[in-house]
C-alpha atoms as a PDB file:
ATOM      1  CA  MET A   1      -5.581  21.557 -13.331  1.00  0.00           C
ATOM      2  CA  TYR A   2      -8.912  21.849 -15.137  1.00  0.00           C
ATOM      3  CA  PHE A   3      -8.197  25.382 -16.301  1.00  0.00           C
ATOM      4  CA  SER A   4      -4.686  24.458 -17.479  1.00  0.00           C
ATOM      5  CA  ALA A   5      -5.751  21.258 -19.259  1.00  0.00           C
ATOM      6  CA  VAL A   6      -8.424  23.107 -21.237  1.00  0.00           C
ATOM      7  CA  LYS A   7      -6.025  25.904 -22.154  1.00  0.00           C
ATOM      8  CA  PHE A   8      -3.054  23.691 -23.007  1.00  0.00           C
ATOM      9  CA  PHE A   9      -5.007  21.066 -24.948  1.00  0.00           C
ATOM     10  CA  PRO A  10      -7.889  22.637 -26.920  1.00  0.00           C
ATOM     11  CA  VAL A  11      -9.228  19.168 -27.762  1.00  0.00           C
ATOM     12  CA  PHE A  12     -10.422  18.932 -24.156  1.00  0.00           C
ATOM     13  CA  PHE A  13     -12.605  22.023 -24.542  1.00  0.00           C
ATOM     14  CA  GLN A  14     -15.501  20.128 -26.098  1.00  0.00           C
ATOM     15  CA  TYR A  15     -15.300  17.575 -23.263  1.00  0.00           C
ATOM     16  CA  ARG A  16     -14.664  20.114 -20.530  1.00  0.00           C
ATOM     17  CA  HIS A  17     -17.759  19.159 -18.501  1.00  0.00           C
ATOM     18  CA  ILE A  18     -16.700  15.506 -18.419  1.00  0.00           C
ATOM     19  CA  LEU A  19     -13.175  16.574 -17.511  1.00  0.00           C
ATOM     20  CA  MET A  20     -14.522  18.679 -14.666  1.00  0.00           C
ATOM     21  CA  ILE A  21     -16.532  15.742 -13.273  1.00  0.00           C
ATOM     22  CA  ILE A  22     -13.526  13.412 -13.487  1.00  0.00           C
ATOM     23  CA  LEU A  23     -11.237  15.878 -11.719  1.00  0.00           C
ATOM     24  CA  LEU A  24     -13.832  16.581  -9.041  1.00  0.00           C
ATOM     25  CA  PHE A  25     -14.099  12.859  -8.333  1.00  0.00           C
ATOM     26  CA  LEU A  26     -10.338  12.388  -8.314  1.00  0.00           C
ATOM     27  CA  SER A  27      -9.918  15.276  -5.892  1.00  0.00           C
ATOM     28  CA  VAL A  28     -11.811  13.338  -3.193  1.00  0.00           C
ATOM     29  CA  SER A  29     -11.021   9.796  -4.349  1.00  0.00           C
ATOM     30  CA  PHE A  30      -8.208   9.096  -1.880  1.00  0.00           C
ATOM     31  CA  ILE A  31     -10.333  10.158   1.075  1.00  0.00           C
ATOM     32  CA  LEU A  32     -13.209   8.049  -0.293  1.00  0.00           C
ATOM     33  CA  PHE A  33     -11.132   4.887  -0.650  1.00  0.00           C
ATOM     34  CA  ASN A  34      -9.489   5.517   2.707  1.00  0.00           C
ATOM     35  CA  PHE A  35     -12.967   5.351   4.233  1.00  0.00           C
ATOM     36  CA  LEU A  36     -14.020   2.339   2.131  1.00  0.00           C
ATOM     37  CA  ALA A  37     -10.864   0.403   3.013  1.00  0.00           C
ATOM     38  CA  SER A  38     -11.412   1.136   6.704  1.00  0.00           C
ATOM     39  CA  TRP A  39     -14.929  -0.220   6.367  1.00  0.00           C
ATOM     40  CA  ASP A  40     -14.122  -3.310   4.282  1.00  0.00           C
ATOM     41  CA  ASP A  41     -10.663  -4.549   3.319  1.00  0.00           C
ATOM     42  CA  ASN A  42     -10.912  -6.303  -0.048  1.00  0.00           C
ATOM     43  CA  ILE A  43      -9.060  -6.274  -3.366  1.00  0.00           C
ATOM     44  CA  PHE A  44     -11.281  -3.508  -4.750  1.00  0.00           C
ATOM     45  CA  THR A  45     -10.803  -1.120  -1.823  1.00  0.00           C
ATOM     46  CA  ARG A  46      -7.083  -1.943  -1.529  1.00  0.00           C
ATOM     47  CA  THR A  47      -6.487  -1.330  -5.229  1.00  0.00           C
ATOM     48  CA  GLY A  48      -8.516   1.870  -5.134  1.00  0.00           C
ATOM     49  CA  TYR A  49      -6.618   3.084  -2.073  1.00  0.00           C
ATOM     50  CA  TYR A  50      -3.277   2.394  -3.757  1.00  0.00           C
ATOM     51  CA  LEU A  51      -4.127   3.941  -7.134  1.00  0.00           C
ATOM     52  CA  THR A  52      -5.807   7.040  -5.718  1.00  0.00           C
ATOM     53  CA  GLY A  53      -2.777   7.518  -3.460  1.00  0.00           C
ATOM     54  CA  ILE A  54      -0.572   7.434  -6.542  1.00  0.00           C
ATOM     55  CA  TRP A  55      -2.935   9.924  -8.171  1.00  0.00           C
ATOM     56  CA  MET A  56      -2.646  12.247  -5.176  1.00  0.00           C
ATOM     57  CA  GLY A  57       1.120  12.308  -5.648  1.00  0.00           C
ATOM     58  CA  LEU A  58       0.827  12.666  -9.413  1.00  0.00           C
ATOM     59  CA  SER A  59      -1.630  15.545  -9.081  1.00  0.00           C
ATOM     60  CA  LEU A  60       0.925  17.472  -7.030  1.00  0.00           C
ATOM     61  CA  TYR A  61       3.491  17.151  -9.820  1.00  0.00           C
ATOM     62  CA  LEU A  62       0.944  17.912 -12.539  1.00  0.00           C
ATOM     63  CA  ILE A  63       0.124  21.154 -10.734  1.00  0.00           C
ATOM     64  CA  ILE A  64       3.833  22.017 -10.502  1.00  0.00           C
ATOM     65  CA  ALA A  65       4.237  21.121 -14.183  1.00  0.00           C
ATOM     66  CA  ALA A  66       1.291  23.341 -15.116  1.00  0.00           C
ATOM     67  CA  PHE A  67       2.774  26.213 -13.128  1.00  0.00           C
ATOM     68  CA  LEU A  68       6.097  25.847 -14.954  1.00  0.00           C
ATOM     69  CA  VAL A  69       4.333  25.824 -18.331  1.00  0.00           C
ATOM     70  CA  TRP A  70       2.469  29.018 -17.467  1.00  0.00           C
ATOM     71  CA  LEU A  71       5.747  30.568 -16.323  1.00  0.00           C
ATOM     72  CA  ILE A  72       7.449  29.698 -19.630  1.00  0.00           C
ATOM     73  CA  ILE A  73       4.489  31.082 -21.569  1.00  0.00           C
ATOM     74  CA  PHE A  74       4.732  34.314 -19.588  1.00  0.00           C
ATOM     75  CA  LEU A  75       8.487  34.626 -20.151  1.00  0.00           C
ATOM     76  CA  ALA A  76       8.115  33.770 -23.842  1.00  0.00           C
ATOM     77  CA  LYS A  77       5.684  36.644 -24.270  1.00  0.00           C
ATOM     78  CA  ILE A  78       8.110  39.043 -22.627  1.00  0.00           C
ATOM     79  CA  VAL A  79      10.949  38.117 -25.007  1.00  0.00           C
ATOM     80  CA  ASP A  80       8.524  37.757 -27.928  1.00  0.00           C
ATOM     81  CA  VAL A  81       9.207  34.079 -28.592  1.00  0.00           C
ATOM     82  CA  LYS A  82       6.479  31.750 -29.817  1.00  0.00           C
ATOM     83  CA  VAL A  83       6.140  28.349 -28.174  1.00  0.00           C
ATOM     84  CA  ASN A  84       3.941  25.370 -28.993  1.00  0.00           C
ATOM     85  CA  ILE A  85       1.915  25.301 -25.791  1.00  0.00           C
ATOM     86  CA  SER A  86       0.457  21.816 -26.299  1.00  0.00           C
ATOM     87  CA  THR A  87       3.864  20.259 -26.962  1.00  0.00           C
ATOM     88  CA  LEU A  88       5.422  22.105 -24.051  1.00  0.00           C
ATOM     89  CA  ALA A  89       2.636  21.008 -21.688  1.00  0.00           C
ATOM     90  CA  LEU A  90       2.810  17.421 -22.929  1.00  0.00           C
ATOM     91  CA  ILE A  91       6.547  17.271 -22.149  1.00  0.00           C
ATOM     92  CA  PHE A  92       6.143  18.654 -18.639  1.00  0.00           C
ATOM     93  CA  PHE A  93       3.116  16.469 -17.851  1.00  0.00           C
ATOM     94  CA  ALA A  94       4.975  13.396 -19.148  1.00  0.00           C
ATOM     95  CA  LEU A  95       7.919  14.256 -16.890  1.00  0.00           C
ATOM     96  CA  ALA A  96       5.515  14.551 -13.943  1.00  0.00           C
ATOM     97  CA  LEU A  97       4.144  11.082 -14.735  1.00  0.00           C
ATOM     98  CA  VAL A  98       7.604   9.512 -15.076  1.00  0.00           C
ATOM     99  CA  TYR A  99       8.741  11.133 -11.821  1.00  0.00           C
ATOM    100  CA  THR A 100       5.671   9.797 -10.001  1.00  0.00           C
ATOM    101  CA  LEU A 101       6.096   6.281 -11.396  1.00  0.00           C
ATOM    102  CA  TRP A 102       9.736   6.313 -10.321  1.00  0.00           C
ATOM    103  CA  GLY A 103       8.556   7.353  -6.857  1.00  0.00           C
ATOM    104  CA  ALA A 104       6.116   4.421  -6.778  1.00  0.00           C
ATOM    105  CA  TRP A 105       8.922   1.996  -7.674  1.00  0.00           C
ATOM    106  CA  ASN A 106      11.296   3.630  -5.190  1.00  0.00           C
ATOM    107  CA  ALA A 107       8.782   3.241  -2.353  1.00  0.00           C
ATOM    108  CA  LYS A 108       8.788  -0.535  -2.793  1.00  0.00           C
ATOM    109  CA  HIS A 109      12.571  -0.964  -2.852  1.00  0.00           C
ATOM    110  CA  PRO A 110      14.277  -0.021   0.411  1.00  0.00           C
ATOM    111  CA  GLN A 111      18.049   0.201   0.330  1.00  0.00           C
ATOM    112  CA  ILE A 112      20.664  -0.769   2.893  1.00  0.00           C
ATOM    113  CA  ASN A 113      22.338   2.204   4.558  1.00  0.00           C
ATOM    114  CA  ASN A 114      25.540   1.375   6.463  1.00  0.00           C
ATOM    115  CA  ILE A 115      26.815   3.699   9.175  1.00  0.00           C
ATOM    116  CA  THR A 116      29.312   3.402  12.049  1.00  0.00           C
ATOM    117  CA  VAL A 117      28.593   4.826  15.504  1.00  0.00           C
ATOM    118  CA  ASN A 118      31.009   5.268  18.406  1.00  0.00           C
ATOM    119  CA  ILE A 119      29.613   4.643  21.887  1.00  0.00           C
ATOM    120  CA  PRO A 120      31.811   5.580  24.880  1.00  0.00           C
ATOM    121  CA  GLY A 121      32.645   2.632  27.106  1.00  0.00           C
ATOM    122  CA  LEU A 122      31.138   0.115  24.720  1.00  0.00           C
ATOM    123  CA  PRO A 123      31.709  -3.406  26.087  1.00  0.00           C
ATOM    124  CA  ASP A 124      34.109  -5.622  24.159  1.00  0.00           C
ATOM    125  CA  ALA A 125      31.200  -7.970  23.466  1.00  0.00           C
ATOM    126  CA  TRP A 126      29.603  -5.272  21.299  1.00  0.00           C
ATOM    127  CA  LYS A 127      32.626  -3.841  19.493  1.00  0.00           C
ATOM    128  CA  GLY A 128      32.304  -4.328  15.748  1.00  0.00           C
ATOM    129  CA  LYS A 129      28.824  -5.817  16.126  1.00  0.00           C
ATOM    130  CA  LYS A 130      25.980  -4.889  13.793  1.00  0.00           C
ATOM    131  CA  ILE A 131      22.536  -3.684  14.780  1.00  0.00           C
ATOM    132  CA  VAL A 132      19.740  -3.113  12.284  1.00  0.00           C
ATOM    133  CA  GLN A 133      17.085  -0.430  12.571  1.00  0.00           C
ATOM    134  CA  ILE A 134      13.820  -0.597  10.677  1.00  0.00           C
ATOM    135  CA  SER A 135      11.124   1.985  11.190  1.00  0.00           C
ATOM    136  CA  ASP A 136       7.887   3.180   9.597  1.00  0.00           C
ATOM    137  CA  VAL A 137       7.368  -0.058   7.700  1.00  0.00           C
ATOM    138  CA  HIS A 138       3.598   0.595   7.604  1.00  0.00           C
ATOM    139  CA  ILE A 139       2.441  -2.942   6.908  1.00  0.00           C
ATOM    140  CA  GLY A 140      -1.184  -2.679   5.841  1.00  0.00           C
ATOM    141  CA  LEU A 141      -3.235  -2.024   2.732  1.00  0.00           C
ATOM    142  CA  VAL A 142      -0.314  -1.120   0.468  1.00  0.00           C
ATOM    143  CA  ASN A 143       2.753  -2.744   2.019  1.00  0.00           C
ATOM    144  CA  ARG A 144       1.681  -6.361   2.279  1.00  0.00           C
ATOM    145  CA  SER A 145       3.289  -9.806   2.402  1.00  0.00           C
ATOM    146  CA  GLY A 146       5.525  -9.327  -0.658  1.00  0.00           C
ATOM    147  CA  PHE A 147       6.991  -6.128   0.746  1.00  0.00           C
ATOM    148  CA  ALA A 148       7.360  -7.729   4.179  1.00  0.00           C
ATOM    149  CA  ARG A 149       9.347 -10.621   2.678  1.00  0.00           C
ATOM    150  CA  ARG A 150      11.646  -8.160   0.902  1.00  0.00           C
ATOM    151  CA  VAL A 151      12.324  -6.361   4.181  1.00  0.00           C
ATOM    152  CA  VAL A 152      12.954  -9.648   6.021  1.00  0.00           C
ATOM    153  CA  ASP A 153      15.383 -10.852   3.348  1.00  0.00           C
ATOM    154  CA  LEU A 154      17.342  -7.595   3.404  1.00  0.00           C
ATOM    155  CA  VAL A 155      17.578  -7.613   7.203  1.00  0.00           C
ATOM    156  CA  ASN A 156      18.509 -11.275   7.535  1.00  0.00           C
ATOM    157  CA  ASN A 157      21.165 -11.002   4.825  1.00  0.00           C
ATOM    158  CA  GLU A 158      23.008  -8.570   7.118  1.00  0.00           C
ATOM    159  CA  ASN A 159      23.253 -11.232   9.858  1.00  0.00           C
ATOM    160  CA  PRO A 160      22.554  -8.656  12.612  1.00  0.00           C
ATOM    161  CA  ASP A 161      23.331  -9.083  16.281  1.00  0.00           C
ATOM    162  CA  THR A 162      20.087  -7.355  17.197  1.00  0.00           C
ATOM    163  CA  VAL A 163      17.190  -5.630  15.427  1.00  0.00           C
ATOM    164  CA  PHE A 164      15.443  -2.459  16.570  1.00  0.00           C
ATOM    165  CA  ILE A 165      11.934  -1.662  15.282  1.00  0.00           C
ATOM    166  CA  THR A 166      11.369   1.997  16.114  1.00  0.00           C
ATOM    167  CA  GLY A 167       7.635   2.387  15.615  1.00  0.00           C
ATOM    168  CA  ASP A 168       4.964   2.500  12.905  1.00  0.00           C
ATOM    169  CA  LEU A 169       5.383  -1.159  12.065  1.00  0.00           C
ATOM    170  CA  TYR A 170       1.630  -1.075  11.509  1.00  0.00           C
ATOM    171  CA  ASP A 171      -0.454   1.084   9.222  1.00  0.00           C
ATOM    172  CA  HIS A 172      -3.521   2.860  10.527  1.00  0.00           C
ATOM    173  CA  ILE A 173      -6.332   0.862   8.891  1.00  0.00           C
ATOM    174  CA  ASP A 174      -4.904  -2.646   8.743  1.00  0.00           C
ATOM    175  CA  LYS A 175      -7.524  -5.187   9.774  1.00  0.00           C
ATOM    176  CA  ASP A 176      -5.387  -8.316   9.392  1.00  0.00           C
ATOM    177  CA  LEU A 177      -2.224  -8.218  11.511  1.00  0.00           C
ATOM    178  CA  THR A 178      -0.993 -11.650  10.396  1.00  0.00           C
ATOM    179  CA  THR A 179       1.509 -10.201   7.917  1.00  0.00           C
ATOM    180  CA  THR A 180       3.018  -7.991  10.606  1.00  0.00           C
ATOM    181  CA  ILE A 181       3.455 -10.881  13.037  1.00  0.00           C
ATOM    182  CA  ASN A 182       4.970 -13.051  10.294  1.00  0.00           C
ATOM    183  CA  LEU A 183       7.447 -10.279   9.467  1.00  0.00           C
ATOM    184  CA  VAL A 184       8.615 -10.016  13.084  1.00  0.00           C
ATOM    185  CA  ASN A 185       8.867 -13.782  13.538  1.00  0.00           C
ATOM    186  CA  SER A 186      10.840 -14.155  10.297  1.00  0.00           C
ATOM    187  CA  LEU A 187      13.538 -11.723  11.403  1.00  0.00           C
ATOM    188  CA  GLU A 188      16.768 -13.322  12.605  1.00  0.00           C
ATOM    189  CA  ALA A 189      19.071 -11.781  15.198  1.00  0.00           C
ATOM    190  CA  LYS A 190      21.845 -13.274  17.324  1.00  0.00           C
ATOM    191  CA  GLU A 191      20.504 -11.454  20.369  1.00  0.00           C
ATOM    192  CA  GLU A 192      16.975 -10.070  20.626  1.00  0.00           C
ATOM    193  CA  ILE A 193      14.532  -8.067  18.525  1.00  0.00           C
ATOM    194  CA  PHE A 194      13.310  -4.925  20.277  1.00  0.00           C
ATOM    195  CA  TYR A 195      10.165  -2.995  19.451  1.00  0.00           C
ATOM    196  CA  ILE A 196       8.701   0.357  20.486  1.00  0.00           C
ATOM    197  CA  THR A 197       5.446   1.936  19.398  1.00  0.00           C
ATOM    198  CA  GLY A 198       4.941   4.856  17.039  1.00  0.00           C
ATOM    199  CA  ASN A 199       1.949   7.059  16.409  1.00  0.00           C
ATOM    200  CA  HIS A 200       0.311   4.595  14.006  1.00  0.00           C
ATOM    201  CA  GLU A 201       0.192   1.905  16.669  1.00  0.00           C
ATOM    202  CA  THR A 202      -2.009   4.255  18.680  1.00  0.00           C
ATOM    203  CA  TYR A 203      -4.389   4.426  15.701  1.00  0.00           C
ATOM    204  CA  VAL A 204      -4.582   0.638  15.432  1.00  0.00           C
ATOM    205  CA  GLY A 205      -5.021   0.337  19.209  1.00  0.00           C
ATOM    206  CA  LEU A 206      -2.227  -0.427  21.663  1.00  0.00           C
ATOM    207  CA  GLU A 207      -4.102  -3.246  23.371  1.00  0.00           C
ATOM    208  CA  ARG A 208      -4.455  -5.055  20.065  1.00  0.00           C
ATOM    209  CA  VAL A 209      -0.846  -4.400  19.085  1.00  0.00           C
ATOM    210  CA  TYR A 210       0.562  -5.544  22.428  1.00  0.00           C
ATOM    211  CA  SER A 211      -1.678  -8.598  22.462  1.00  0.00           C
ATOM    212  CA  ASP A 212      -0.540  -9.713  19.010  1.00  0.00           C
ATOM    213  CA  LEU A 213       3.149  -8.995  19.532  1.00  0.00           C
ATOM    214  CA  SER A 214       3.266 -10.582  22.988  1.00  0.00           C
ATOM    215  CA  SER A 215       3.530 -14.019  21.378  1.00  0.00           C
ATOM    216  CA  SER A 216       6.061 -12.902  18.751  1.00  0.00           C
ATOM    217  CA  LYS A 217       9.870 -12.837  18.795  1.00  0.00           C
ATOM    218  CA  ALA A 218       9.902  -9.113  19.508  1.00  0.00           C
ATOM    219  CA  LYS A 219      10.505  -7.790  23.005  1.00  0.00           C
ATOM    220  CA  ILE A 220       8.266  -4.791  23.576  1.00  0.00           C
ATOM    221  CA  LEU A 221       9.943  -1.936  25.421  1.00  0.00           C
ATOM    222  CA  ALA A 222       7.454   0.423  27.060  1.00  0.00           C
ATOM    223  CA  ASP A 223       9.268   3.088  29.079  1.00  0.00           C
ATOM    224  CA  GLU A 224      11.859   0.664  30.367  1.00  0.00           C
ATOM    225  CA  VAL A 225      15.536  -0.259  30.223  1.00  0.00           C
ATOM    226  CA  VAL A 226      17.047  -3.667  29.554  1.00  0.00           C
ATOM    227  CA  ASP A 227      20.660  -4.814  29.708  1.00  0.00           C
ATOM    228  CA  ILE A 228      22.097  -6.879  26.857  1.00  0.00           C
ATOM    229  CA  ASN A 229      25.673  -7.943  27.559  1.00  0.00           C
ATOM    230  CA  GLY A 230      26.518  -4.634  29.210  1.00  0.00           C
ATOM    231  CA  LEU A 231      24.701  -2.402  26.712  1.00  0.00           C
ATOM    232  CA  LYS A 232      21.634  -0.599  28.053  1.00  0.00           C
ATOM    233  CA  ILE A 233      18.646  -0.437  25.695  1.00  0.00           C
ATOM    234  CA  ILE A 234      16.138   2.293  26.587  1.00  0.00           C
ATOM    235  CA  GLY A 235      12.714   1.970  24.977  1.00  0.00           C
ATOM    236  CA  VAL A 236      10.173   4.799  25.251  1.00  0.00           C
ATOM    237  CA  SER A 237       6.621   4.375  23.952  1.00  0.00           C
ATOM    238  CA  TYR A 238       4.895   6.936  21.774  1.00  0.00           C
ATOM    239  CA  PRO A 239       2.187   8.901  23.653  1.00  0.00           C
ATOM    240  CA  GLN A 240      -1.309   7.533  23.293  1.00  0.00           C
ATOM    241  CA  ARG A 241      -3.941   9.744  21.685  1.00  0.00           C
ATOM    242  CA  GLY A 242      -4.974  12.430  24.127  1.00  0.00           C
ATOM    243  CA  GLU A 243      -2.064  11.651  26.462  1.00  0.00           C
ATOM    244  CA  GLU A 244       0.193  14.504  27.558  1.00  0.00           C
ATOM    245  CA  LYS A 245       3.511  12.706  27.926  1.00  0.00           C
ATOM    246  CA  ASN A 246       6.713  14.502  28.835  1.00  0.00           C
ATOM    247  CA  ILE A 247       9.348  12.485  26.988  1.00  0.00           C
ATOM    248  CA  VAL A 248      12.270  14.175  28.723  1.00  0.00           C
ATOM    249  CA  GLU A 249      10.812  13.459  32.171  1.00  0.00           C
ATOM    250  CA  THR A 250      10.101   9.858  31.167  1.00  0.00           C
ATOM    251  CA  ILE A 251      13.744   9.325  30.191  1.00  0.00           C
ATOM    252  CA  LYS A 252      14.949  11.201  33.287  1.00  0.00           C
ATOM    253  CA  ASN A 253      12.960   8.795  35.470  1.00  0.00           C
ATOM    254  CA  LEU A 254      14.915   5.933  33.869  1.00  0.00           C
ATOM    255  CA  GLN A 255      18.342   7.575  34.290  1.00  0.00           C
ATOM    256  CA  GLY A 256      19.244   5.484  37.308  1.00  0.00           C
ATOM    257  CA  GLU A 257      19.256   2.394  35.102  1.00  0.00           C
ATOM    258  CA  PHE A 258      21.497   3.692  32.304  1.00  0.00           C
ATOM    259  CA  LEU A 259      23.370   6.856  33.286  1.00  0.00           C
ATOM    260  CA  GLY A 260      27.130   6.477  32.970  1.00  0.00           C
ATOM    261  CA  ARG A 261      26.831   3.200  31.104  1.00  0.00           C
ATOM    262  CA  PRO A 262      26.847   2.650  27.332  1.00  0.00           C
ATOM    263  CA  ASN A 263      23.284   2.951  26.084  1.00  0.00           C
ATOM    264  CA  ILE A 264      20.947   3.241  23.106  1.00  0.00           C
ATOM    265  CA  LEU A 265      17.611   5.088  23.232  1.00  0.00           C
ATOM    266  CA  LEU A 266      14.738   4.041  21.005  1.00  0.00           C
ATOM    267  CA  TYR A 267      12.058   6.702  20.515  1.00  0.00           C
ATOM    268  CA  HIS A 268       9.916   7.088  17.429  1.00  0.00           C
ATOM    269  CA  SER A 269      10.043  10.847  16.923  1.00  0.00           C
ATOM    270  CA  PRO A 270      13.184  13.081  16.832  1.00  0.00           C
ATOM    271  CA  VAL A 271      12.072  15.614  19.443  1.00  0.00           C
ATOM    272  CA  ASN A 272      13.692  17.333  22.443  1.00  0.00           C
ATOM    273  CA  ILE A 273      17.138  16.470  21.110  1.00  0.00           C
ATOM    274  CA  PRO A 274      19.246  18.976  23.173  1.00  0.00           C
ATOM    275  CA  GLU A 275      17.489  17.932  26.378  1.00  0.00           C
ATOM    276  CA  ILE A 276      17.863  14.208  25.640  1.00  0.00           C
ATOM    277  CA  LYS A 277      21.557  14.701  24.833  1.00  0.00           C
ATOM    278  CA  ASN A 278      22.073  16.240  28.273  1.00  0.00           C
ATOM    279  CA  LEU A 279      20.472  13.226  29.967  1.00  0.00           C
ATOM    280  CA  GLY A 280      23.485  11.034  29.169  1.00  0.00           C
ATOM    281  CA  VAL A 281      22.081   9.189  26.159  1.00  0.00           C
ATOM    282  CA  ASN A 282      24.814   7.868  23.831  1.00  0.00           C
ATOM    283  CA  LEU A 283      22.836   6.855  20.726  1.00  0.00           C
ATOM    284  CA  MET A 284      19.239   7.773  19.879  1.00  0.00           C
ATOM    285  CA  LEU A 285      17.420   6.008  17.060  1.00  0.00           C
ATOM    286  CA  SER A 286      14.260   7.581  15.639  1.00  0.00           C
ATOM    287  CA  GLY A 287      12.135   7.719  12.510  1.00  0.00           C
ATOM    288  CA  HIS A 288       8.646   9.158  11.963  1.00  0.00           C
ATOM    289  CA  THR A 289       9.503  11.900   9.463  1.00  0.00           C
ATOM    290  CA  HIS A 290      10.053   9.661   6.400  1.00  0.00           C
ATOM    291  CA  ALA A 291      12.632  12.360   5.550  1.00  0.00           C
ATOM    292  CA  GLY A 292       9.826  14.104   3.696  1.00  0.00           C
ATOM    293  CA  GLN A 293       8.794  11.079   1.552  1.00  0.00           C
ATOM    294  CA  VAL A 294       7.133  13.218  -1.127  1.00  0.00           C
ATOM    295  CA  TRP A 295       9.104  16.129  -2.567  1.00  0.00           C
ATOM    296  CA  PRO A 296       8.855  19.038  -1.726  1.00  0.00           C
ATOM    297  CA  LEU A 297       7.071  18.187   1.544  1.00  0.00           C
ATOM    298  CA  GLN A 298      10.391  17.638   3.312  1.00  0.00           C
ATOM    299  CA  TYR A 299      10.530  21.398   3.801  1.00  0.00           C
ATOM    300  CA  ILE A 300       7.492  21.096   6.077  1.00  0.00           C
ATOM    301  CA  HIS A 301       9.324  18.471   8.136  1.00  0.00           C
ATOM    302  CA  GLN A 302      12.377  20.707   8.268  1.00  0.00           C
ATOM    303  CA  SER A 303      10.259  23.526   9.658  1.00  0.00           C
ATOM    304  CA  ILE A 304       8.965  21.187  12.398  1.00  0.00           C
ATOM    305  CA  TYR A 305      12.077  19.200  13.340  1.00  0.00           C
ATOM    306  CA  GLY A 306      14.812  21.504  12.069  1.00  0.00           C
ATOM    307  CA  LYS A 307      18.079  19.864  11.118  1.00  0.00           C
ATOM    308  CA  TYR A 308      17.057  16.718  12.984  1.00  0.00           C
ATOM    309  CA  TYR A 309      14.392  15.758  10.469  1.00  0.00           C
ATOM    310  CA  ARG A 310      16.707  13.178   8.851  1.00  0.00           C
ATOM    311  CA  GLY A 311      20.120  11.562   8.925  1.00  0.00           C
ATOM    312  CA  LEU A 312      23.133  11.276  11.210  1.00  0.00           C
ATOM    313  CA  HIS A 313      23.980  13.905  13.834  1.00  0.00           C
ATOM    314  CA  ILE A 314      27.025  13.613  16.114  1.00  0.00           C
ATOM    315  CA  MET A 315      27.378  15.928  19.129  1.00  0.00           C
ATOM    316  CA  ASP A 316      30.195  15.105  21.564  1.00  0.00           C
ATOM    317  CA  ASN A 317      29.329  11.723  23.129  1.00  0.00           C
ATOM    318  CA  PHE A 318      25.773  11.815  21.737  1.00  0.00           C
ATOM    319  CA  THR A 319      24.736  10.458  18.333  1.00  0.00           C
ATOM    320  CA  LEU A 320      21.299  10.724  16.732  1.00  0.00           C
ATOM    321  CA  TYR A 321      20.163   8.838  13.674  1.00  0.00           C
ATOM    322  CA  VAL A 322      16.780   9.658  12.147  1.00  0.00           C
ATOM    323  CA  THR A 323      15.955   7.104   9.503  1.00  0.00           C
ATOM    324  CA  SER A 324      13.927   7.961   6.414  1.00  0.00           C
ATOM    325  CA  GLY A 325      11.894   4.848   7.169  1.00  0.00           C
ATOM    326  CA  THR A 326      11.447   1.523   5.438  1.00  0.00           C
ATOM    327  CA  GLY A 327       7.926   1.800   4.054  1.00  0.00           C
ATOM    328  CA  SER A 328       5.550   4.567   3.041  1.00  0.00           C
ATOM    329  CA  TRP A 329       2.296   6.050   4.247  1.00  0.00           C
ATOM    330  CA  GLY A 330      -0.503   7.771   2.334  1.00  0.00           C
ATOM    331  CA  PRO A 331       0.594   8.139  -1.297  1.00  0.00           C
ATOM    332  CA  ALA A 332       2.691   5.034  -1.957  1.00  0.00           C
ATOM    333  CA  ILE A 333       5.461   7.028  -3.581  1.00  0.00           C
ATOM    334  CA  ARG A 334       8.927   8.134  -2.478  1.00  0.00           C
ATOM    335  CA  THR A 335      10.255  11.142  -4.346  1.00  0.00           C
ATOM    336  CA  GLY A 336      11.672  13.124  -1.426  1.00  0.00           C
ATOM    337  CA  SER A 337      13.764  10.336   0.081  1.00  0.00           C
ATOM    338  CA  ARG A 338      14.901   6.743  -0.352  1.00  0.00           C
ATOM    339  CA  PRO A 339      13.373   4.116   1.947  1.00  0.00           C
ATOM    340  CA  GLU A 340      16.054   2.421   3.982  1.00  0.00           C
ATOM    341  CA  ILE A 341      17.113  -0.305   6.354  1.00  0.00           C
ATOM    342  CA  VAL A 342      19.841   1.046   8.617  1.00  0.00           C
ATOM    343  CA  VAL A 343      22.798  -1.185   9.451  1.00  0.00           C
ATOM    344  CA  ILE A 344      24.828   0.273  12.324  1.00  0.00           C
ATOM    345  CA  THR A 345      28.271  -1.003  13.244  1.00  0.00           C
ATOM    346  CA  LEU A 346      29.086  -0.227  16.870  1.00  0.00           C
ATOM    347  CA  GLU A 347      32.587   0.945  17.766  1.00  0.00           C
ATOM    348  CA  CYS A 348      34.332   2.587  20.732  1.00  0.00           C
ATOM    349  CA  ASN A 349      36.958   5.322  20.491  1.00  0.00           C
END
C-alpha cells in the first residue's frame, strides 16, 4: 500500500516517511485495540476496536484496488494507451471506501430470511408453525444494546412458536454480559427458547455463560434431547478448548431418544453432514461460518466446509440450514454475505 500510494499520488512522496509510520501503526492497530479492549472495556478502547476493524476490512479492498490499478497500467502500456494514474487510483480507492462503508452498514442491519422445511411425521401441533433461528450474534464490544434491540424487534415481529439460538451469542472479549441476558429475556416465543454453545462461548468461559443464562428465559441444551409437543429437539454443545469431542458419537448416543420421531438438531458448526444425515436427523440448524462475512474470504470457508458452508441443503428426509449469522466478528463489516434472522415454517409432506 505504501509503495502504491507513493507511486500513484506523487504528492505523498515528500511525506513518505510519515506515511510509512502511519501505515505501520495501522497494520497492527486492530491487534493492539483487541488487547486494550480485553484489558479495559471503555469508550476509547471500544471505538478504537471498531474503527481499526473497519480499517482492516478497508485495507483489504485498498490492496485489491491497488492491484487492479497496476494491472490496468500494465495493460495500457502493452496497447500503448496513456492513462492518468492518479485519477485512476483515486476512482478505485474511492470505490474500495464506498464498498467498505456499505459493508459496515450491512453488518448492522440483519434481514429476515423465510424458508419452509418439510419434516417427516411432523405432529399436527407443529404443522404451519414458525421457528426462528438466530446465530453468531456476537454481542460484545461492537454489537451492543442498540443492535440487540434491533434483533429482538425483528424476532418478536415474526411471532415465533419457538426460538433457537445456535451458538456464538457472545463475543470473545465481552466483560459485561448484561446486554446478552437482556436480549434473551426480551425474546418472545409461544413455546420455549433453546440455546446451544458455539466456539465463542468457550472463549468467554462456559461456567460464566451457563451461570448467567441459567436465570434467563433460554433453556440450555447440552448434549441432550427434549420433547416439545411431539417434536424432538436435540442440542449438542460445542467442544471446549482442548476437548476432543466426537460429534457423531455424541449424537449416536442420543439416538434412542429421537430416532424414528420428528426431530431438529442444533449444532453450531456444519460438520460431519453425511454421517449426521445417516443417524436419522430430520433438520439440522447450524451457523459458525458467517457465509464468509468479508469477500472474498468465503472461498476459504468453502474449502473447509465445502458446499455446506452456507444456505439450504435438502437430501431425502434430511434438511440442513447453515445461516450466515445475525451479527459479525472481527471487522464489523459484511461484504461477503447478508446478516440474517431465519424464519422457518414447518410442514409435512
